Amino acid sequence: MSIESFIEQMPKVELHVHLEGATQPKTLLELAQRHHIDLPADTVDGIQKWYTFTNFAHFVEIYLKISECIRTPEDIEYIAREFLAGQAAQNIRYTEVTYTPYTHWMQKGLEYDDQLDALNRARAWAEEELGVSMGIIMDIPREITPELGMMTADWVIGSYGNGVIALGLGGNEVGNPPEKHAAAFERALAAGVPSIPHAGETAGPESIWGALNILGAQRIGHGVRCLEDPTLVDELRERQIPLEVCPTSNVCLGVAPSIDDHPVLMMFEEDLYVTINSDDPPMFNTTLTQEYLAVMDAVGLIPDEIERLVIRALDASLLPRDIKAQMKSDFEREFKCLDDEHLSF
């Protein structure tokens, strides 16, 4: 067995992927046709070309168009089912997916409970039919006001445990520091809801410090710019705060110059708690499988090190302890079989 086949077949966990940003061109085209919404192209190939990343403004344009095409709870269930089928095809057994309910409430007036019910129908279907599961991180788009951010926090507190596993914080970090939404996270933390914000992607170490000290972050989405502050690196290493690294996304958005020059190599050398993720996969023409392959090529990982990355992602997940232990046992058994096949090739 080749190392490529090893990575394709191995069981996986993903901690950082956006549901709306994972909408495939075929799915978007179907939604647009269903609701008579014009897109820049009317074929799957054409949408794929339009998806091809050019700059951040283009990324935002695509993201907003996807959101515009999601009009009903049935649409939400549909994109979630399509997403989970894609995860199952990569043998991603468990995903912690980020979803932004505020956008759909604001744009179309979709009630939060209706959105959540749709996501949970897809979640139940995937567990029954595909054998994969997901937890939902409901995030606050950091550009909105603190008062509107508090509304999302209240939604999350009221639905915590019903498929909802954490409160997140997404959007453009520049001009929107973690402190802006401190009250929302304080309320959620007091209710026992974990804090999983994005930080240290388009802003520097100060954003990560804010996520840790102000928002009580249990994990950090991205976090790659921590390397600009040695004291922060020491803090993250000492506390073993998991970092959700998304290599291709970082390259496309200009956070890193290339995969070969990505900060992940130095993050490994600094013994930081790295996990590998895809972020918005079709927008960056990637998958979680391809992210592992890219990191393997850039860093020179061997199967044992790849397995360690997968197990670390599982350990960093918010799964209940008993389910996590069972999944870890299953993964270790499957890796043993894959290791034996790889060595015998």
C-alpha atoms as a PDB file:
ATOM      1  CA  MET A   1       0.000   0.000   0.000  1.00  0.00           C
ATOM      2  CA  SER A   2       1.317   3.435  -0.931  1.00  0.00           C
ATOM      3  CA  ILE A   3       1.426   6.258   1.610  1.00  0.00           C
ATOM      4  CA  GLU A   4      -1.201   8.045  -0.509  1.00  0.00           C
ATOM      5  CA  SER A   5      -3.556   5.067  -0.185  1.00  0.00           C
ATOM      6  CA  PHE A   6      -2.791   4.920   3.533  1.00  0.00           C
ATOM      7  CA  ILE A   7      -3.966   8.524   3.971  1.00  0.00           C
ATOM      8  CA  GLU A   8      -7.017   8.066   1.757  1.00  0.00           C
ATOM      9  CA  GLN A   9      -8.178   4.980   3.660  1.00  0.00           C
ATOM     10  CA  MET A  10      -7.313   5.934   7.225  1.00  0.00           C
ATOM     11  CA  PRO A  11     -10.088   6.981   9.641  1.00  0.00           C
ATOM     12  CA  LYS A  12     -10.171  10.723  10.238  1.00  0.00           C
ATOM     13  CA  VAL A  13     -11.606  13.453  12.423  1.00  0.00           C
ATOM     14  CA  GLU A  14     -12.077  17.052  11.276  1.00  0.00           C
ATOM     15  CA  LEU A  15     -12.396  19.965  13.695  1.00  0.00           C
ATOM     16  CA  HIS A  16     -12.424  23.049  11.448  1.00  0.00           C
ATOM     17  CA  VAL A  17     -14.728  23.134   8.427  1.00  0.00           C
ATOM     18  CA  HIS A  18     -17.567  25.551   7.599  1.00  0.00           C
ATOM     19  CA  LEU A  19     -20.820  24.015   6.414  1.00  0.00           C
ATOM     20  CA  GLU A  20     -21.738  26.840   4.049  1.00  0.00           C
ATOM     21  CA  GLY A  21     -18.156  27.040   2.777  1.00  0.00           C
ATOM     22  CA  ALA A  22     -18.168  23.291   2.083  1.00  0.00           C
ATOM     23  CA  THR A  23     -21.062  23.540  -0.389  1.00  0.00           C
ATOM     24  CA  GLN A  24     -20.024  21.777  -3.595  1.00  0.00           C
ATOM     25  CA  PRO A  25     -20.590  23.442  -7.013  1.00  0.00           C
ATOM     26  CA  LYS A  26     -23.194  20.808  -7.977  1.00  0.00           C
ATOM     27  CA  THR A  27     -25.160  21.463  -4.788  1.00  0.00           C
ATOM     28  CA  LEU A  28     -25.017  25.233  -5.217  1.00  0.00           C
ATOM     29  CA  LEU A  29     -26.218  24.978  -8.814  1.00  0.00           C
ATOM     30  CA  GLU A  30     -29.176  22.837  -7.761  1.00  0.00           C
ATOM     31  CA  LEU A  31     -30.142  25.324  -5.033  1.00  0.00           C
ATOM     32  CA  ALA A  32     -29.849  28.277  -7.405  1.00  0.00           C
ATOM     33  CA  GLN A  33     -32.032  26.571  -9.996  1.00  0.00           C
ATOM     34  CA  ARG A  34     -34.559  25.612  -7.320  1.00  0.00           C
ATOM     35  CA  HIS A  35     -34.930  29.237  -6.239  1.00  0.00           C
ATOM     36  CA  HIS A  36     -34.381  30.919  -9.620  1.00  0.00           C
ATOM     37  CA  ILE A  37     -31.218  32.692  -8.506  1.00  0.00           C
ATOM     38  CA  ASP A  38     -28.700  33.751 -11.138  1.00  0.00           C
ATOM     39  CA  LEU A  39     -25.133  32.516 -10.779  1.00  0.00           C
ATOM     40  CA  PRO A  40     -22.059  33.474 -12.822  1.00  0.00           C
ATOM     41  CA  ALA A  41     -22.313  30.085 -14.602  1.00  0.00           C
ATOM     42  CA  ASP A  42     -25.017  27.504 -15.273  1.00  0.00           C
ATOM     43  CA  THR A  43     -22.949  24.301 -15.359  1.00  0.00           C
ATOM     44  CA  VAL A  44     -21.032  22.423 -12.691  1.00  0.00           C
ATOM     45  CA  ASP A  45     -17.763  23.006 -14.568  1.00  0.00           C
ATOM     46  CA  GLY A  46     -18.555  26.687 -14.840  1.00  0.00           C
ATOM     47  CA  ILE A  47     -19.321  26.984 -11.124  1.00  0.00           C
ATOM     48  CA  GLN A  48     -16.095  25.107 -10.340  1.00  0.00           C
ATOM     49  CA  LYS A  49     -14.132  27.649 -12.393  1.00  0.00           C
ATOM     50  CA  TRP A  50     -15.927  30.500 -10.622  1.00  0.00           C
ATOM     51  CA  TYR A  51     -15.080  28.862  -7.281  1.00  0.00           C
ATOM     52  CA  THR A  52     -11.357  28.925  -8.189  1.00  0.00           C
ATOM     53  CA  PHE A  53      -9.843  31.236  -5.611  1.00  0.00           C
ATOM     54  CA  THR A  54      -8.468  34.612  -6.770  1.00  0.00           C
ATOM     55  CA  ASN A  55      -8.519  36.932  -3.733  1.00  0.00           C
ATOM     56  CA  PHE A  56     -10.315  37.563  -0.446  1.00  0.00           C
ATOM     57  CA  ALA A  57     -13.017  39.736  -2.068  1.00  0.00           C
ATOM     58  CA  HIS A  58     -13.782  36.877  -4.438  1.00  0.00           C
ATOM     59  CA  PHE A  59     -13.957  34.480  -1.491  1.00  0.00           C
ATOM     60  CA  VAL A  60     -16.500  36.724   0.258  1.00  0.00           C
ATOM     61  CA  GLU A  61     -18.520  37.039  -2.960  1.00  0.00           C
ATOM     62  CA  ILE A  62     -18.831  33.254  -3.268  1.00  0.00           C
ATOM     63  CA  TYR A  63     -19.652  32.798   0.408  1.00  0.00           C
ATOM     64  CA  LEU A  64     -22.458  35.362   0.285  1.00  0.00           C
ATOM     65  CA  LYS A  65     -23.878  33.878  -2.916  1.00  0.00           C
ATOM     66  CA  ILE A  66     -23.947  30.426  -1.312  1.00  0.00           C
ATOM     67  CA  SER A  67     -25.797  31.864   1.663  1.00  0.00           C
ATOM     68  CA  GLU A  68     -28.257  33.630  -0.646  1.00  0.00           C
ATOM     69  CA  CYS A  69     -29.088  30.310  -2.331  1.00  0.00           C
ATOM     70  CA  ILE A  70     -29.874  28.621   0.997  1.00  0.00           C
ATOM     71  CA  ARG A  71     -33.488  29.767   1.390  1.00  0.00           C
ATOM     72  CA  THR A  72     -35.336  27.187   3.496  1.00  0.00           C
ATOM     73  CA  PRO A  73     -34.787  24.665   6.290  1.00  0.00           C
ATOM     74  CA  GLU A  74     -34.999  21.962   3.605  1.00  0.00           C
ATOM     75  CA  ASP A  75     -32.049  23.600   1.837  1.00  0.00           C
ATOM     76  CA  ILE A  76     -30.058  23.526   5.067  1.00  0.00           C
ATOM     77  CA  GLU A  77     -30.806  19.833   5.534  1.00  0.00           C
ATOM     78  CA  TYR A  78     -29.844  19.183   1.905  1.00  0.00           C
ATOM     79  CA  ILE A  79     -26.444  20.896   2.073  1.00  0.00           C
ATOM     80  CA  ALA A  80     -25.735  19.186   5.407  1.00  0.00           C
ATOM     81  CA  ARG A  81     -26.571  15.755   3.955  1.00  0.00           C
ATOM     82  CA  GLU A  82     -24.391  16.406   0.910  1.00  0.00           C
ATOM     83  CA  PHE A  83     -21.575  17.583   3.158  1.00  0.00           C
ATOM     84  CA  LEU A  84     -21.771  14.552   5.429  1.00  0.00           C
ATOM     85  CA  ALA A  85     -21.848  12.193   2.450  1.00  0.00           C
ATOM     86  CA  GLY A  86     -18.612  13.832   1.290  1.00  0.00           C
ATOM     87  CA  GLN A  87     -17.088  13.398   4.734  1.00  0.00           C
ATOM     88  CA  ALA A  88     -18.085   9.727   4.763  1.00  0.00           C
ATOM     89  CA  ALA A  89     -16.453   9.239   1.347  1.00  0.00           C
ATOM     90  CA  GLN A  90     -13.157  10.365   2.922  1.00  0.00           C
ATOM     91  CA  ASN A  91     -13.655   8.113   5.952  1.00  0.00           C
ATOM     92  CA  ILE A  92     -14.049  11.158   8.203  1.00  0.00           C
ATOM     93  CA  ARG A  93     -15.927   9.496  11.034  1.00  0.00           C
ATOM     94  CA  TYR A  94     -16.582  12.601  13.098  1.00  0.00           C
ATOM     95  CA  THR A  95     -16.702  16.281  12.175  1.00  0.00           C
ATOM     96  CA  GLU A  96     -17.080  19.405  14.272  1.00  0.00           C
ATOM     97  CA  VAL A  97     -18.657  21.701  11.711  1.00  0.00           C
ATOM     98  CA  THR A  98     -18.982  25.460  12.072  1.00  0.00           C
ATOM     99  CA  TYR A  99     -22.311  27.002  11.081  1.00  0.00           C
ATOM    100  CA  THR A 100     -23.473  30.643  11.166  1.00  0.00           C
ATOM    101  CA  PRO A 101     -27.186  30.807  12.048  1.00  0.00           C
ATOM    102  CA  TYR A 102     -27.231  34.602  12.326  1.00  0.00           C
ATOM    103  CA  THR A 103     -26.617  35.045   8.588  1.00  0.00           C
ATOM    104  CA  HIS A 104     -29.675  33.016   7.612  1.00  0.00           C
ATOM    105  CA  TRP A 105     -31.823  34.681  10.267  1.00  0.00           C
ATOM    106  CA  MET A 106     -30.732  38.117   9.070  1.00  0.00           C
ATOM    107  CA  GLN A 107     -30.925  37.437   5.306  1.00  0.00           C
ATOM    108  CA  LYS A 108     -34.067  35.327   5.081  1.00  0.00           C
ATOM    109  CA  GLY A 109     -35.678  35.441   8.497  1.00  0.00           C
ATOM    110  CA  LEU A 110     -35.086  31.722   9.107  1.00  0.00           C
ATOM    111  CA  GLU A 111     -35.824  30.981  12.735  1.00  0.00           C
ATOM    112  CA  TYR A 112     -32.951  29.475  14.697  1.00  0.00           C
ATOM    113  CA  ASP A 113     -34.959  26.465  15.866  1.00  0.00           C
ATOM    114  CA  ASP A 114     -35.939  25.638  12.277  1.00  0.00           C
ATOM    115  CA  GLN A 115     -32.300  25.835  11.203  1.00  0.00           C
ATOM    116  CA  LEU A 116     -31.183  23.586  14.049  1.00  0.00           C
ATOM    117  CA  ASP A 117     -33.939  21.050  13.382  1.00  0.00           C
ATOM    118  CA  ALA A 118     -32.786  20.822   9.756  1.00  0.00           C
ATOM    119  CA  LEU A 119     -29.168  20.250  10.792  1.00  0.00           C
ATOM    120  CA  ASN A 120     -30.203  17.616  13.301  1.00  0.00           C
ATOM    121  CA  ARG A 121     -32.290  15.752  10.723  1.00  0.00           C
ATOM    122  CA  ALA A 122     -29.201  15.562   8.499  1.00  0.00           C
ATOM    123  CA  ARG A 123     -27.079  14.545  11.468  1.00  0.00           C
ATOM    124  CA  ALA A 124     -29.441  11.701  12.402  1.00  0.00           C
ATOM    125  CA  TRP A 125     -29.601  10.536   8.773  1.00  0.00           C
ATOM    126  CA  ALA A 126     -25.796  10.439   8.474  1.00  0.00           C
ATOM    127  CA  GLU A 127     -25.393   8.446  11.678  1.00  0.00           C
ATOM    128  CA  GLU A 128     -28.013   5.904  10.560  1.00  0.00           C
ATOM    129  CA  GLU A 129     -27.146   5.623   6.865  1.00  0.00           C
ATOM    130  CA  LEU A 130     -23.440   6.496   6.659  1.00  0.00           C
ATOM    131  CA  GLY A 131     -22.031   5.706  10.080  1.00  0.00           C
ATOM    132  CA  VAL A 132     -20.562   9.196  10.508  1.00  0.00           C
ATOM    133  CA  SER A 133     -21.424  11.868  13.053  1.00  0.00           C
ATOM    134  CA  MET A 134     -21.018  15.594  13.602  1.00  0.00           C
ATOM    135  CA  GLY A 135     -21.208  18.191  16.311  1.00  0.00           C
ATOM    136  CA  ILE A 136     -22.199  21.771  15.494  1.00  0.00           C
ATOM    137  CA  ILE A 137     -20.217  24.846  16.519  1.00  0.00           C
ATOM    138  CA  MET A 138     -22.568  27.820  16.146  1.00  0.00           C
ATOM    139  CA  ASP A 139     -20.448  30.882  15.505  1.00  0.00           C
ATOM    140  CA  ILE A 140     -20.834  34.612  15.851  1.00  0.00           C
ATOM    141  CA  PRO A 141     -19.719  36.584  12.778  1.00  0.00           C
ATOM    142  CA  ARG A 142     -17.403  38.998  14.525  1.00  0.00           C
ATOM    143  CA  GLU A 143     -18.389  41.944  12.315  1.00  0.00           C
ATOM    144  CA  ILE A 144     -21.854  42.188  13.935  1.00  0.00           C
ATOM    145  CA  THR A 145     -22.618  44.194  17.065  1.00  0.00           C
ATOM    146  CA  PRO A 146     -22.042  42.754  20.532  1.00  0.00           C
ATOM    147  CA  GLU A 147     -25.807  42.846  21.093  1.00  0.00           C
ATOM    148  CA  LEU A 148     -26.455  40.663  18.044  1.00  0.00           C
ATOM    149  CA  GLY A 149     -23.582  38.424  19.064  1.00  0.00           C
ATOM    150  CA  MET A 150     -25.323  37.947  22.409  1.00  0.00           C
ATOM    151  CA  MET A 151     -28.374  36.693  20.528  1.00  0.00           C
ATOM    152  CA  THR A 152     -26.300  33.881  19.016  1.00  0.00           C
ATOM    153  CA  ALA A 153     -24.865  33.081  22.450  1.00  0.00           C
ATOM    154  CA  ASP A 154     -28.392  32.771  23.849  1.00  0.00           C
ATOM    155  CA  TRP A 155     -29.399  30.502  20.975  1.00  0.00           C
ATOM    156  CA  VAL A 156     -26.402  28.291  21.685  1.00  0.00           C
ATOM    157  CA  ILE A 157     -27.029  28.154  25.435  1.00  0.00           C
ATOM    158  CA  GLY A 158     -30.650  27.142  24.833  1.00  0.00           C
ATOM    159  CA  SER A 159     -29.725  24.355  22.414  1.00  0.00           C
ATOM    160  CA  TYR A 160     -26.453  23.145  23.931  1.00  0.00           C
ATOM    161  CA  GLY A 161     -26.394  19.359  23.883  1.00  0.00           C
ATOM    162  CA  ASN A 162     -28.998  19.118  21.118  1.00  0.00           C
ATOM    163  CA  GLY A 163     -26.369  18.672  18.404  1.00  0.00           C
ATOM    164  CA  VAL A 164     -24.745  21.970  19.449  1.00  0.00           C
ATOM    165  CA  ILE A 165     -21.350  21.532  21.105  1.00  0.00           C
ATOM    166  CA  ALA A 166     -19.727  24.993  21.321  1.00  0.00           C
ATOM    167  CA  LEU A 167     -19.860  28.715  20.619  1.00  0.00           C
ATOM    168  CA  GLY A 168     -17.489  29.930  17.899  1.00  0.00           C
ATOM    169  CA  LEU A 169     -16.311  33.262  16.534  1.00  0.00           C
ATOM    170  CA  GLY A 170     -15.612  33.712  12.811  1.00  0.00           C
ATOM    171  CA  GLY A 171     -15.233  36.457  10.219  1.00  0.00           C
ATOM    172  CA  ASN A 172     -12.610  39.102   9.623  1.00  0.00           C
ATOM    173  CA  GLU A 173     -10.361  39.545  12.647  1.00  0.00           C
ATOM    174  CA  VAL A 174      -9.021  42.935  11.518  1.00  0.00           C
ATOM    175  CA  GLY A 175     -10.938  45.619  13.395  1.00  0.00           C
ATOM    176  CA  ASN A 176     -12.970  43.010  15.277  1.00  0.00           C
ATOM    177  CA  PRO A 177     -10.863  41.792  18.229  1.00  0.00           C
ATOM    178  CA  PRO A 178     -12.085  39.025  20.544  1.00  0.00           C
ATOM    179  CA  GLU A 179     -12.824  41.607  23.234  1.00  0.00           C
ATOM    180  CA  LYS A 180     -15.732  42.887  21.120  1.00  0.00           C
ATOM    181  CA  HIS A 181     -17.786  39.786  21.939  1.00  0.00           C
ATOM    182  CA  ALA A 182     -16.462  39.159  25.450  1.00  0.00           C
ATOM    183  CA  ALA A 183     -19.915  39.414  27.067  1.00  0.00           C
ATOM    184  CA  ALA A 184     -21.419  36.763  24.786  1.00  0.00           C
ATOM    185  CA  PHE A 185     -18.645  34.285  25.554  1.00  0.00           C
ATOM    186  CA  GLU A 186     -18.747  35.090  29.254  1.00  0.00           C
ATOM    187  CA  ARG A 187     -22.448  34.220  29.303  1.00  0.00           C
ATOM    188  CA  ALA A 188     -21.898  31.011  27.314  1.00  0.00           C
ATOM    189  CA  LEU A 189     -18.978  29.885  29.460  1.00  0.00           C
ATOM    190  CA  ALA A 190     -21.023  30.465  32.607  1.00  0.00           C
ATOM    191  CA  ALA A 191     -23.637  28.116  31.133  1.00  0.00           C
ATOM    192  CA  GLY A 192     -20.985  25.440  30.521  1.00  0.00           C
ATOM    193  CA  VAL A 193     -20.668  25.957  26.756  1.00  0.00           C
ATOM    194  CA  PRO A 194     -17.123  25.496  25.359  1.00  0.00           C
ATOM    195  CA  SER A 195     -15.440  28.399  23.550  1.00  0.00           C
ATOM    196  CA  ILE A 196     -13.895  27.606  20.131  1.00  0.00           C
ATOM    197  CA  PRO A 197     -13.068  30.947  18.399  1.00  0.00           C
ATOM    198  CA  HIS A 198     -11.035  31.656  15.278  1.00  0.00           C
ATOM    199  CA  ALA A 199      -7.905  33.688  16.023  1.00  0.00           C
ATOM    200  CA  GLY A 200      -4.430  34.289  14.658  1.00  0.00           C
ATOM    201  CA  GLU A 201      -5.261  34.025  10.960  1.00  0.00           C
ATOM    202  CA  THR A 202      -5.669  37.529   9.488  1.00  0.00           C
ATOM    203  CA  ALA A 203      -4.624  39.158  12.771  1.00  0.00           C
ATOM    204  CA  GLY A 204      -1.537  38.467  14.861  1.00  0.00           C
ATOM    205  CA  PRO A 205      -0.735  37.126  18.330  1.00  0.00           C
ATOM    206  CA  GLU A 206      -2.853  39.747  20.093  1.00  0.00           C
ATOM    207  CA  SER A 207      -5.946  38.058  18.647  1.00  0.00           C
ATOM    208  CA  ILE A 208      -4.890  34.679  20.057  1.00  0.00           C
ATOM    209  CA  TRP A 209      -4.104  36.203  23.455  1.00  0.00           C
ATOM    210  CA  GLY A 210      -7.588  37.741  23.454  1.00  0.00           C
ATOM    211  CA  ALA A 211      -9.186  34.426  22.532  1.00  0.00           C
ATOM    212  CA  LEU A 212      -7.374  32.708  25.396  1.00  0.00           C
ATOM    213  CA  ASN A 213      -7.608  35.349  28.109  1.00  0.00           C
ATOM    214  CA  ILE A 214     -10.900  37.065  27.282  1.00  0.00           C
ATOM    215  CA  LEU A 215     -12.955  34.355  25.565  1.00  0.00           C
ATOM    216  CA  GLY A 216     -11.634  31.355  27.513  1.00  0.00           C
ATOM    217  CA  ALA A 217     -10.823  29.452  24.320  1.00  0.00           C
ATOM    218  CA  GLN A 218     -10.524  25.671  24.645  1.00  0.00           C
ATOM    219  CA  ARG A 219      -9.152  25.409  21.086  1.00  0.00           C
ATOM    220  CA  ILE A 220      -8.044  27.979  18.543  1.00  0.00           C
ATOM    221  CA  GLY A 221      -9.273  28.076  14.967  1.00  0.00           C
ATOM    222  CA  HIS A 222      -6.136  28.611  12.838  1.00  0.00           C
ATOM    223  CA  GLY A 223      -3.657  30.142  15.319  1.00  0.00           C
ATOM    224  CA  VAL A 224      -0.766  29.996  12.843  1.00  0.00           C
ATOM    225  CA  ARG A 225       0.427  33.529  13.614  1.00  0.00           C
ATOM    226  CA  CYS A 226       1.292  32.533  17.164  1.00  0.00           C
ATOM    227  CA  LEU A 227       4.874  32.089  15.936  1.00  0.00           C
ATOM    228  CA  GLU A 228       5.263  35.878  15.883  1.00  0.00           C
ATOM    229  CA  ASP A 229       5.274  35.905  19.705  1.00  0.00           C
ATOM    230  CA  PRO A 230       7.675  33.492  21.495  1.00  0.00           C
ATOM    231  CA  THR A 231       5.903  34.045  24.802  1.00  0.00           C
ATOM    232  CA  LEU A 232       2.619  33.002  23.220  1.00  0.00           C
ATOM    233  CA  VAL A 233       4.274  29.921  21.707  1.00  0.00           C
ATOM    234  CA  ASP A 234       5.485  28.979  25.200  1.00  0.00           C
ATOM    235  CA  GLU A 235       1.971  29.473  26.590  1.00  0.00           C
ATOM    236  CA  LEU A 236       0.318  27.372  23.889  1.00  0.00           C
ATOM    237  CA  ARG A 237       2.918  24.637  24.266  1.00  0.00           C
ATOM    238  CA  GLU A 238       2.697  24.546  28.059  1.00  0.00           C
ATOM    239  CA  ARG A 239      -1.118  24.404  28.026  1.00  0.00           C
ATOM    240  CA  GLN A 240      -1.232  22.186  24.916  1.00  0.00           C
ATOM    241  CA  ILE A 241      -4.001  24.284  23.383  1.00  0.00           C
ATOM    242  CA  PRO A 242      -5.109  22.544  20.168  1.00  0.00           C
ATOM    243  CA  LEU A 243      -4.652  24.620  17.015  1.00  0.00           C
ATOM    244  CA  GLU A 244      -6.896  23.952  14.027  1.00  0.00           C
ATOM    245  CA  VAL A 245      -4.461  24.474  11.151  1.00  0.00           C
ATOM    246  CA  CYS A 246      -5.869  24.782   7.596  1.00  0.00           C
ATOM    247  CA  PRO A 247      -2.806  24.846   5.302  1.00  0.00           C
ATOM    248  CA  THR A 248      -4.299  25.390   1.826  1.00  0.00           C
ATOM    249  CA  SER A 249      -6.731  27.996   3.143  1.00  0.00           C
ATOM    250  CA  ASN A 250      -3.780  29.870   4.671  1.00  0.00           C
ATOM    251  CA  VAL A 251      -1.941  29.865   1.340  1.00  0.00           C
ATOM    252  CA  CYS A 252      -4.989  30.994  -0.653  1.00  0.00           C
ATOM    253  CA  LEU A 253      -5.739  33.829   1.783  1.00  0.00           C
ATOM    254  CA  GLY A 254      -2.099  34.985   1.834  1.00  0.00           C
ATOM    255  CA  VAL A 255      -1.433  33.991   5.437  1.00  0.00           C
ATOM    256  CA  ALA A 256       1.368  31.674   4.228  1.00  0.00           C
ATOM    257  CA  PRO A 257       3.363  31.999   0.970  1.00  0.00           C
ATOM    258  CA  SER A 258       3.103  28.315   0.013  1.00  0.00           C
ATOM    259  CA  ILE A 259       2.546  24.864   1.480  1.00  0.00           C
ATOM    260  CA  ASP A 260       6.303  24.268   1.461  1.00  0.00           C
ATOM    261  CA  ASP A 261       6.827  27.480   3.453  1.00  0.00           C
ATOM    262  CA  HIS A 262       3.809  27.066   5.711  1.00  0.00           C
ATOM    263  CA  PRO A 263       4.296  27.731   9.460  1.00  0.00           C
ATOM    264  CA  VAL A 264       3.108  24.204  10.259  1.00  0.00           C
ATOM    265  CA  LEU A 265       6.674  22.878  10.000  1.00  0.00           C
ATOM    266  CA  MET A 266       7.879  25.260  12.706  1.00  0.00           C
ATOM    267  CA  MET A 267       4.750  24.547  14.734  1.00  0.00           C
ATOM    268  CA  PHE A 268       5.702  20.865  14.756  1.00  0.00           C
ATOM    269  CA  GLU A 269       9.253  21.777  15.742  1.00  0.00           C
ATOM    270  CA  GLU A 270       7.912  23.894  18.614  1.00  0.00           C
ATOM    271  CA  ASP A 271       5.857  20.911  19.836  1.00  0.00           C
ATOM    272  CA  LEU A 272       2.583  22.789  19.461  1.00  0.00           C
ATOM    273  CA  TYR A 273      -0.702  20.875  19.430  1.00  0.00           C
ATOM    274  CA  VAL A 274      -1.414  20.852  15.681  1.00  0.00           C
ATOM    275  CA  THR A 275      -4.487  19.409  13.991  1.00  0.00           C
ATOM    276  CA  ILE A 276      -5.042  19.369  10.202  1.00  0.00           C
ATOM    277  CA  ASN A 277      -8.278  20.696   8.658  1.00  0.00           C
ATOM    278  CA  SER A 278      -9.789  21.889   5.361  1.00  0.00           C
ATOM    279  CA  ASP A 279     -11.735  25.077   6.328  1.00  0.00           C
ATOM    280  CA  ASP A 280     -13.831  25.771   3.160  1.00  0.00           C
ATOM    281  CA  PRO A 281     -12.706  22.871   0.975  1.00  0.00           C
ATOM    282  CA  PRO A 282     -14.327  23.431  -2.458  1.00  0.00           C
ATOM    283  CA  MET A 283     -13.470  27.130  -2.366  1.00  0.00           C
ATOM    284  CA  PHE A 284      -9.798  26.252  -1.967  1.00  0.00           C
ATOM    285  CA  ASN A 285      -9.961  23.194  -4.239  1.00  0.00           C
ATOM    286  CA  THR A 286      -9.011  20.843  -1.442  1.00  0.00           C
ATOM    287  CA  THR A 287     -10.282  18.119   0.894  1.00  0.00           C
ATOM    288  CA  LEU A 288      -9.126  16.933   4.296  1.00  0.00           C
ATOM    289  CA  THR A 289      -7.433  13.993   2.567  1.00  0.00           C
ATOM    290  CA  GLN A 290      -5.550  16.401   0.301  1.00  0.00           C
ATOM    291  CA  GLU A 291      -4.535  18.513   3.295  1.00  0.00           C
ATOM    292  CA  TYR A 292      -2.894  15.498   4.920  1.00  0.00           C
ATOM    293  CA  LEU A 293      -1.161  14.635   1.647  1.00  0.00           C
ATOM    294  CA  ALA A 294       0.093  18.217   1.259  1.00  0.00           C
ATOM    295  CA  VAL A 295       1.446  18.379   4.812  1.00  0.00           C
ATOM    296  CA  MET A 296       3.041  14.958   4.406  1.00  0.00           C
ATOM    297  CA  ASP A 297       4.859  16.120   1.270  1.00  0.00           C
ATOM    298  CA  ALA A 298       5.940  19.430   2.814  1.00  0.00           C
ATOM    299  CA  VAL A 299       7.057  18.097   6.177  1.00  0.00           C
ATOM    300  CA  GLY A 300       8.006  14.534   5.308  1.00  0.00           C
ATOM    301  CA  LEU A 301       5.664  12.764   7.723  1.00  0.00           C
ATOM    302  CA  ILE A 302       5.737   8.996   8.129  1.00  0.00           C
ATOM    303  CA  PRO A 303       2.641   6.850   8.868  1.00  0.00           C
ATOM    304  CA  ASP A 304       3.201   6.836  12.650  1.00  0.00           C
ATOM    305  CA  GLU A 305       3.302  10.641  12.674  1.00  0.00           C
ATOM    306  CA  ILE A 306       0.191  10.881  10.511  1.00  0.00           C
ATOM    307  CA  GLU A 307      -1.640   8.527  12.867  1.00  0.00           C
ATOM    308  CA  ARG A 308      -0.563  10.694  15.789  1.00  0.00           C
ATOM    309  CA  LEU A 309      -2.090  13.762  14.097  1.00  0.00           C
ATOM    310  CA  VAL A 310      -5.395  11.954  13.625  1.00  0.00           C
ATOM    311  CA  ILE A 311      -5.502  10.722  17.223  1.00  0.00           C
ATOM    312  CA  ARG A 312      -4.620  14.206  18.460  1.00  0.00           C
ATOM    313  CA  ALA A 313      -7.583  15.628  16.545  1.00  0.00           C
ATOM    314  CA  LEU A 314      -9.833  13.014  18.127  1.00  0.00           C
ATOM    315  CA  ASP A 315      -8.436  13.804  21.578  1.00  0.00           C
ATOM    316  CA  ALA A 316      -9.065  17.522  20.986  1.00  0.00           C
ATOM    317  CA  SER A 317     -12.670  16.952  19.949  1.00  0.00           C
ATOM    318  CA  LEU A 318     -15.643  17.702  22.161  1.00  0.00           C
ATOM    319  CA  LEU A 319     -17.043  14.191  21.988  1.00  0.00           C
ATOM    320  CA  PRO A 320     -18.221  12.683  25.284  1.00  0.00           C
ATOM    321  CA  ARG A 321     -15.434  10.801  27.025  1.00  0.00           C
ATOM    322  CA  ASP A 322     -16.934   7.321  26.554  1.00  0.00           C
ATOM    323  CA  ILE A 323     -17.633   7.799  22.838  1.00  0.00           C
ATOM    324  CA  LYS A 324     -14.177   9.273  22.337  1.00  0.00           C
ATOM    325  CA  ALA A 325     -12.550   6.301  24.061  1.00  0.00           C
ATOM    326  CA  GLN A 326     -14.455   3.817  21.903  1.00  0.00           C
ATOM    327  CA  MET A 327     -13.631   5.708  18.713  1.00  0.00           C
ATOM    328  CA  LYS A 328      -9.974   5.912  19.710  1.00  0.00           C
ATOM    329  CA  SER A 329      -9.873   2.161  20.233  1.00  0.00           C
ATOM    330  CA  ASP A 330     -11.490   1.610  16.834  1.00  0.00           C
ATOM    331  CA  PHE A 331      -9.063   3.995  15.145  1.00  0.00           C
ATOM    332  CA  GLU A 332      -6.009   2.352  16.703  1.00  0.00           C
ATOM    333  CA  ARG A 333      -7.175  -1.057  15.531  1.00  0.00           C
ATOM    334  CA  GLU A 334      -7.765   0.220  11.992  1.00  0.00           C
ATOM    335  CA  PHE A 335      -4.403   1.976  11.891  1.00  0.00           C
ATOM    336  CA  LYS A 336      -2.736  -1.271  12.938  1.00  0.00           C
ATOM    337  CA  CYS A 337      -4.299  -3.014   9.935  1.00  0.00           C
ATOM    338  CA  LEU A 338      -3.279  -0.172   7.609  1.00  0.00           C
ATOM    339  CA  ASP A 339       0.264  -0.174   9.032  1.00  0.00           C
ATOM    340  CA  ASP A 340       0.564  -3.898   8.370  1.00  0.00           C
ATOM    341  CA  GLU A 341      -0.651  -3.445   4.799  1.00  0.00           C
ATOM    342  CA  HIS A 342       1.689  -0.499   4.233  1.00  0.00           C
ATOM    343  CA  LEU A 343       4.731  -2.393   5.537  1.00  0.00           C
ATOM    344  CA  SER A 344       3.912  -5.444   3.443  1.00  0.00           C
ATOM    345  CA  PHE A 345       3.715  -3.457   0.205  1.00  0.00           C
END
